[in-house]
């Protein structure tokens, strides 16, 4: 099962400056995770969510026009950044934290139980929240939200179960606790891009 705390520590002084840049960045990130875990994960989630939407727009533009159009909608990355910062990062942090508390590793079949709780409870609720927040940020009314849920929620949830179930099994059971939000954000980055490449 996943270790709760990484053994890496933030470096200091001249020794830290002598280390390779990627190692120094990782050490600083670990330090921020220890000092400001929720804020660090929220900022990371907001940045990666925005970048994922930006990439999806580029790929969709190339797919339709055969080239990268510079007429991208800046409101899309902004909406995703807001959702990642205020919802995805904080909610994922506390969900993973309490998931280990609710279903400790010593419990029989803990890995399967954690996965079922994520897939059957958290994922449907989180997807519905995503639909609602995006509808709100786009300035649409509740009628538009209801119509979107009726036509898009169930297919999106089925696709979520299909693609994210093996990812979440690895994330919940083998990724260290403090890196689970980051791991999910990194996969989501490619997930948004993949969906755009299919024209979804």
C-alpha atoms as a PDB file:
ATOM      1  CA  UNK A   1       0.000   0.000   0.000  1.00  0.00           C
ATOM      2  CA  UNK A   2       1.022   3.620  -0.455  1.00  0.00           C
ATOM      3  CA  UNK A   3       3.329   5.178   2.111  1.00  0.00           C
ATOM      4  CA  UNK A   4       1.787   8.174   3.835  1.00  0.00           C
ATOM      5  CA  UNK A   5       4.859  10.412   3.896  1.00  0.00           C
ATOM      6  CA  UNK A   6       7.713  10.605   1.433  1.00  0.00           C
ATOM      7  CA  UNK A   7      11.233  10.229   2.806  1.00  0.00           C
ATOM      8  CA  UNK A   8      12.501  13.133   0.655  1.00  0.00           C
ATOM      9  CA  UNK A   9      13.311  16.350   2.490  1.00  0.00           C
ATOM     10  CA  UNK A  10      13.744  19.916   1.295  1.00  0.00           C
ATOM     11  CA  UNK A  11      17.427  20.832   0.989  1.00  0.00           C
ATOM     12  CA  UNK A  12      19.015  23.946   2.388  1.00  0.00           C
ATOM     13  CA  UNK A  13      22.141  26.050   1.835  1.00  0.00           C
ATOM     14  CA  UNK A  14      24.898  25.543  -0.703  1.00  0.00           C
ATOM     15  CA  UNK A  15      24.355  21.779  -0.787  1.00  0.00           C
ATOM     16  CA  UNK A  16      20.807  22.292  -2.021  1.00  0.00           C
ATOM     17  CA  UNK A  17      21.943  24.716  -4.750  1.00  0.00           C
ATOM     18  CA  UNK A  18      24.464  22.121  -5.982  1.00  0.00           C
ATOM     19  CA  UNK A  19      21.713  19.602  -6.648  1.00  0.00           C
ATOM     20  CA  UNK A  20      20.113  19.260 -10.104  1.00  0.00           C
ATOM     21  CA  UNK A  21      17.229  21.627 -10.800  1.00  0.00           C
ATOM     22  CA  UNK A  22      14.503  18.919 -10.937  1.00  0.00           C
ATOM     23  CA  UNK A  23      15.571  17.649  -7.519  1.00  0.00           C
ATOM     24  CA  UNK A  24      15.531  21.159  -6.043  1.00  0.00           C
ATOM     25  CA  UNK A  25      12.076  21.794  -7.498  1.00  0.00           C
ATOM     26  CA  UNK A  26      10.796  18.533  -6.028  1.00  0.00           C
ATOM     27  CA  UNK A  27      12.286  19.365  -2.637  1.00  0.00           C
ATOM     28  CA  UNK A  28      10.646  22.796  -2.618  1.00  0.00           C
ATOM     29  CA  UNK A  29       7.341  21.243  -3.666  1.00  0.00           C
ATOM     30  CA  UNK A  30       7.587  18.736  -0.814  1.00  0.00           C
ATOM     31  CA  UNK A  31       8.320  21.566   1.590  1.00  0.00           C
ATOM     32  CA  UNK A  32       5.237  23.453   0.419  1.00  0.00           C
ATOM     33  CA  UNK A  33       3.182  20.275   0.733  1.00  0.00           C
ATOM     34  CA  UNK A  34       4.245  19.950   4.365  1.00  0.00           C
ATOM     35  CA  UNK A  35       3.702  23.610   5.220  1.00  0.00           C
ATOM     36  CA  UNK A  36       0.603  24.382   3.131  1.00  0.00           C
ATOM     37  CA  UNK A  37      -0.856  21.074   1.901  1.00  0.00           C
ATOM     38  CA  UNK A  38      -4.322  22.262   0.867  1.00  0.00           C
ATOM     39  CA  UNK A  39      -3.153  25.508  -0.724  1.00  0.00           C
ATOM     40  CA  UNK A  40      -0.306  23.788  -2.592  1.00  0.00           C
ATOM     41  CA  UNK A  41      -2.605  21.113  -4.000  1.00  0.00           C
ATOM     42  CA  UNK A  42      -5.238  23.715  -4.874  1.00  0.00           C
ATOM     43  CA  UNK A  43      -2.769  25.876  -6.790  1.00  0.00           C
ATOM     44  CA  UNK A  44      -1.297  22.829  -8.549  1.00  0.00           C
ATOM     45  CA  UNK A  45      -4.757  21.603  -9.483  1.00  0.00           C
ATOM     46  CA  UNK A  46      -5.777  25.016 -10.784  1.00  0.00           C
ATOM     47  CA  UNK A  47      -2.662  25.408 -12.935  1.00  0.00           C
ATOM     48  CA  UNK A  48      -2.767  21.900 -14.409  1.00  0.00           C
ATOM     49  CA  UNK A  49      -6.524  22.066 -15.020  1.00  0.00           C
ATOM     50  CA  UNK A  50      -6.130  25.348 -16.892  1.00  0.00           C
ATOM     51  CA  UNK A  51      -3.214  23.963 -18.891  1.00  0.00           C
ATOM     52  CA  UNK A  52      -5.236  20.865 -19.757  1.00  0.00           C
ATOM     53  CA  UNK A  53      -8.056  22.990 -21.151  1.00  0.00           C
ATOM     54  CA  UNK A  54      -5.540  25.104 -23.077  1.00  0.00           C
ATOM     55  CA  UNK A  55      -4.029  21.991 -24.666  1.00  0.00           C
ATOM     56  CA  UNK A  56      -7.457  20.615 -25.482  1.00  0.00           C
ATOM     57  CA  UNK A  57      -8.351  23.818 -27.334  1.00  0.00           C
ATOM     58  CA  UNK A  58      -5.117  23.683 -29.335  1.00  0.00           C
ATOM     59  CA  UNK A  59      -5.661  20.061 -30.358  1.00  0.00           C
ATOM     60  CA  UNK A  60      -9.299  20.695 -31.213  1.00  0.00           C
ATOM     61  CA  UNK A  61      -8.237  23.665 -33.360  1.00  0.00           C
ATOM     62  CA  UNK A  62      -5.637  21.564 -35.183  1.00  0.00           C
ATOM     63  CA  UNK A  63      -8.125  18.747 -35.676  1.00  0.00           C
ATOM     64  CA  UNK A  64     -10.732  21.036 -37.244  1.00  0.00           C
ATOM     65  CA  UNK A  65      -8.576  23.539 -39.151  1.00  0.00           C
ATOM     66  CA  UNK A  66      -5.383  21.586 -39.736  1.00  0.00           C
ATOM     67  CA  UNK A  67      -3.332  24.192 -37.918  1.00  0.00           C
ATOM     68  CA  UNK A  68      -3.033  25.903 -34.565  1.00  0.00           C
ATOM     69  CA  UNK A  69      -5.372  28.866 -34.430  1.00  0.00           C
ATOM     70  CA  UNK A  70      -4.410  31.684 -32.091  1.00  0.00           C
ATOM     71  CA  UNK A  71      -8.069  32.510 -31.544  1.00  0.00           C
ATOM     72  CA  UNK A  72      -8.339  30.439 -28.399  1.00  0.00           C
ATOM     73  CA  UNK A  73     -10.924  31.170 -25.746  1.00  0.00           C
ATOM     74  CA  UNK A  74      -9.087  32.404 -22.611  1.00  0.00           C
ATOM     75  CA  UNK A  75     -12.244  31.937 -20.578  1.00  0.00           C
ATOM     76  CA  UNK A  76     -11.939  28.149 -20.842  1.00  0.00           C
ATOM     77  CA  UNK A  77      -8.604  27.868 -18.976  1.00  0.00           C
ATOM     78  CA  UNK A  78      -9.848  30.443 -16.468  1.00  0.00           C
ATOM     79  CA  UNK A  79     -12.955  28.405 -15.701  1.00  0.00           C
ATOM     80  CA  UNK A  80     -10.874  25.255 -15.283  1.00  0.00           C
ATOM     81  CA  UNK A  81      -8.372  27.090 -13.099  1.00  0.00           C
ATOM     82  CA  UNK A  82     -11.149  28.297 -10.802  1.00  0.00           C
ATOM     83  CA  UNK A  83     -12.680  24.846 -10.587  1.00  0.00           C
ATOM     84  CA  UNK A  84      -9.298  23.228  -9.921  1.00  0.00           C
ATOM     85  CA  UNK A  85      -8.337  25.769  -7.254  1.00  0.00           C
ATOM     86  CA  UNK A  86     -11.613  25.991  -5.347  1.00  0.00           C
ATOM     87  CA  UNK A  87     -13.013  22.496  -5.810  1.00  0.00           C
ATOM     88  CA  UNK A  88     -10.821  19.824  -7.389  1.00  0.00           C
ATOM     89  CA  UNK A  89      -7.702  20.443  -5.292  1.00  0.00           C
ATOM     90  CA  UNK A  90      -9.301  20.873  -1.841  1.00  0.00           C
ATOM     91  CA  UNK A  91     -11.977  18.196  -2.272  1.00  0.00           C
ATOM     92  CA  UNK A  92      -9.497  15.628  -3.566  1.00  0.00           C
ATOM     93  CA  UNK A  93      -7.098  16.411  -0.715  1.00  0.00           C
ATOM     94  CA  UNK A  94      -9.667  15.755   1.989  1.00  0.00           C
ATOM     95  CA  UNK A  95     -11.222  12.799   0.192  1.00  0.00           C
ATOM     96  CA  UNK A  96      -7.908  10.936  -0.045  1.00  0.00           C
ATOM     97  CA  UNK A  97      -7.053  11.918   3.521  1.00  0.00           C
ATOM     98  CA  UNK A  98     -10.265  10.562   4.987  1.00  0.00           C
ATOM     99  CA  UNK A  99     -10.314   7.583   2.640  1.00  0.00           C
ATOM    100  CA  UNK A 100      -7.222   6.197   4.377  1.00  0.00           C
ATOM    101  CA  UNK A 101      -8.868   6.938   7.722  1.00  0.00           C
ATOM    102  CA  UNK A 102     -12.175   5.296   6.830  1.00  0.00           C
ATOM    103  CA  UNK A 103     -10.597   2.228   5.232  1.00  0.00           C
ATOM    104  CA  UNK A 104      -7.159   1.555   6.760  1.00  0.00           C
ATOM    105  CA  UNK A 105      -4.688  -0.679   4.947  1.00  0.00           C
ATOM    106  CA  UNK A 106      -5.153  -3.358   7.637  1.00  0.00           C
ATOM    107  CA  UNK A 107      -8.805  -3.833   6.694  1.00  0.00           C
ATOM    108  CA  UNK A 108      -9.387  -6.919   4.495  1.00  0.00           C
ATOM    109  CA  UNK A 109      -9.706  -6.023   0.814  1.00  0.00           C
ATOM    110  CA  UNK A 110      -8.979  -2.389   1.669  1.00  0.00           C
ATOM    111  CA  UNK A 111      -7.756  -1.637  -1.859  1.00  0.00           C
ATOM    112  CA  UNK A 112     -10.977  -2.850  -3.455  1.00  0.00           C
ATOM    113  CA  UNK A 113     -13.132  -1.107  -0.854  1.00  0.00           C
ATOM    114  CA  UNK A 114     -11.338   2.188  -1.383  1.00  0.00           C
ATOM    115  CA  UNK A 115     -11.734   1.878  -5.118  1.00  0.00           C
ATOM    116  CA  UNK A 116     -15.456   1.123  -4.860  1.00  0.00           C
ATOM    117  CA  UNK A 117     -16.008   4.128  -2.596  1.00  0.00           C
ATOM    118  CA  UNK A 118     -14.174   6.344  -5.062  1.00  0.00           C
ATOM    119  CA  UNK A 119     -15.857   4.970  -8.163  1.00  0.00           C
ATOM    120  CA  UNK A 120     -19.427   4.626  -6.862  1.00  0.00           C
ATOM    121  CA  UNK A 121     -19.694   7.605  -4.498  1.00  0.00           C
ATOM    122  CA  UNK A 122     -17.013  10.233  -5.066  1.00  0.00           C
ATOM    123  CA  UNK A 123     -16.772  10.063  -8.870  1.00  0.00           C
ATOM    124  CA  UNK A 124     -20.527  10.483  -9.586  1.00  0.00           C
ATOM    125  CA  UNK A 125     -20.849  13.339  -7.074  1.00  0.00           C
ATOM    126  CA  UNK A 126     -17.683  15.047  -8.291  1.00  0.00           C
ATOM    127  CA  UNK A 127     -18.752  14.816 -11.936  1.00  0.00           C
ATOM    128  CA  UNK A 128     -22.141  16.332 -11.098  1.00  0.00           C
ATOM    129  CA  UNK A 129     -20.367  19.146  -9.250  1.00  0.00           C
ATOM    130  CA  UNK A 130     -18.161  19.698 -12.307  1.00  0.00           C
ATOM    131  CA  UNK A 131     -21.223  19.993 -14.563  1.00  0.00           C
ATOM    132  CA  UNK A 132     -22.850  22.440 -12.150  1.00  0.00           C
ATOM    133  CA  UNK A 133     -19.784  24.638 -11.685  1.00  0.00           C
ATOM    134  CA  UNK A 134     -19.003  24.813 -15.401  1.00  0.00           C
ATOM    135  CA  UNK A 135     -22.621  25.713 -16.108  1.00  0.00           C
ATOM    136  CA  UNK A 136     -22.441  28.452 -13.490  1.00  0.00           C
ATOM    137  CA  UNK A 137     -19.089  29.798 -14.713  1.00  0.00           C
ATOM    138  CA  UNK A 138     -20.386  29.875 -18.273  1.00  0.00           C
ATOM    139  CA  UNK A 139     -23.269  32.074 -17.117  1.00  0.00           C
ATOM    140  CA  UNK A 140     -25.969  29.581 -18.027  1.00  0.00           C
ATOM    141  CA  UNK A 141     -29.234  29.000 -16.166  1.00  0.00           C
ATOM    142  CA  UNK A 142     -30.570  25.921 -14.380  1.00  0.00           C
ATOM    143  CA  UNK A 143     -32.542  24.861 -17.442  1.00  0.00           C
ATOM    144  CA  UNK A 144     -29.274  24.567 -19.377  1.00  0.00           C
ATOM    145  CA  UNK A 145     -27.725  22.655 -16.482  1.00  0.00           C
ATOM    146  CA  UNK A 146     -30.641  20.223 -16.377  1.00  0.00           C
ATOM    147  CA  UNK A 147     -30.477  19.674 -20.141  1.00  0.00           C
ATOM    148  CA  UNK A 148     -26.703  19.093 -19.986  1.00  0.00           C
ATOM    149  CA  UNK A 149     -27.087  16.570 -17.181  1.00  0.00           C
ATOM    150  CA  UNK A 150     -29.801  14.685 -19.062  1.00  0.00           C
ATOM    151  CA  UNK A 151     -27.768  14.380 -22.253  1.00  0.00           C
ATOM    152  CA  UNK A 152     -24.186  14.299 -21.030  1.00  0.00           C
ATOM    153  CA  UNK A 153     -23.929  13.102 -17.445  1.00  0.00           C
ATOM    154  CA  UNK A 154     -24.466   9.369 -17.912  1.00  0.00           C
ATOM    155  CA  UNK A 155     -22.152   8.997 -20.956  1.00  0.00           C
ATOM    156  CA  UNK A 156     -19.493  11.044 -19.154  1.00  0.00           C
ATOM    157  CA  UNK A 157     -19.808   8.933 -16.020  1.00  0.00           C
ATOM    158  CA  UNK A 158     -19.536   5.711 -18.024  1.00  0.00           C
ATOM    159  CA  UNK A 159     -16.397   7.014 -19.737  1.00  0.00           C
ATOM    160  CA  UNK A 160     -15.049   8.084 -16.357  1.00  0.00           C
ATOM    161  CA  UNK A 161     -15.535   4.587 -14.964  1.00  0.00           C
ATOM    162  CA  UNK A 162     -13.929   3.019 -18.007  1.00  0.00           C
ATOM    163  CA  UNK A 163     -10.814   5.198 -18.152  1.00  0.00           C
ATOM    164  CA  UNK A 164     -10.266   6.299 -14.569  1.00  0.00           C
ATOM    165  CA  UNK A 165     -10.934   3.043 -12.693  1.00  0.00           C
ATOM    166  CA  UNK A 166      -7.469   1.489 -13.295  1.00  0.00           C
ATOM    167  CA  UNK A 167      -5.865   4.912 -12.776  1.00  0.00           C
ATOM    168  CA  UNK A 168      -7.593   5.377  -9.448  1.00  0.00           C
ATOM    169  CA  UNK A 169      -6.769   1.856  -8.317  1.00  0.00           C
ATOM    170  CA  UNK A 170      -3.090   2.720  -8.718  1.00  0.00           C
ATOM    171  CA  UNK A 171      -3.518   6.186  -7.252  1.00  0.00           C
ATOM    172  CA  UNK A 172      -5.426   5.136  -4.141  1.00  0.00           C
ATOM    173  CA  UNK A 173      -3.383   2.072  -3.308  1.00  0.00           C
ATOM    174  CA  UNK A 174       0.172   2.720  -4.489  1.00  0.00           C
ATOM    175  CA  UNK A 175       0.780   6.480  -4.789  1.00  0.00           C
ATOM    176  CA  UNK A 176       1.952   8.223  -1.576  1.00  0.00           C
ATOM    177  CA  UNK A 177      -0.865  10.190   0.026  1.00  0.00           C
ATOM    178  CA  UNK A 178       0.652  13.637  -0.520  1.00  0.00           C
ATOM    179  CA  UNK A 179       1.096  12.961  -4.262  1.00  0.00           C
ATOM    180  CA  UNK A 180      -2.370  11.590  -5.075  1.00  0.00           C
ATOM    181  CA  UNK A 181      -3.901  14.927  -6.060  1.00  0.00           C
ATOM    182  CA  UNK A 182      -0.873  15.701  -8.239  1.00  0.00           C
ATOM    183  CA  UNK A 183      -1.024  12.253  -9.855  1.00  0.00           C
ATOM    184  CA  UNK A 184      -4.721  12.712 -10.619  1.00  0.00           C
ATOM    185  CA  UNK A 185      -4.071  16.179 -12.045  1.00  0.00           C
ATOM    186  CA  UNK A 186      -1.306  14.866 -14.304  1.00  0.00           C
ATOM    187  CA  UNK A 187      -3.531  12.117 -15.679  1.00  0.00           C
ATOM    188  CA  UNK A 188      -6.389  14.609 -16.115  1.00  0.00           C
ATOM    189  CA  UNK A 189      -4.059  16.837 -18.120  1.00  0.00           C
ATOM    190  CA  UNK A 190      -3.628  14.106 -20.729  1.00  0.00           C
ATOM    191  CA  UNK A 191      -7.267  13.049 -20.361  1.00  0.00           C
ATOM    192  CA  UNK A 192      -8.555  16.472 -21.461  1.00  0.00           C
ATOM    193  CA  UNK A 193      -6.138  16.419 -24.379  1.00  0.00           C
ATOM    194  CA  UNK A 194      -7.181  12.911 -25.346  1.00  0.00           C
ATOM    195  CA  UNK A 195     -10.873  13.814 -25.320  1.00  0.00           C
ATOM    196  CA  UNK A 196     -10.229  16.850 -27.504  1.00  0.00           C
ATOM    197  CA  UNK A 197      -8.248  14.759 -29.986  1.00  0.00           C
ATOM    198  CA  UNK A 198     -11.296  12.522 -30.378  1.00  0.00           C
ATOM    199  CA  UNK A 199     -13.567  15.509 -30.772  1.00  0.00           C
ATOM    200  CA  UNK A 200     -15.535  14.617 -27.682  1.00  0.00           C
END
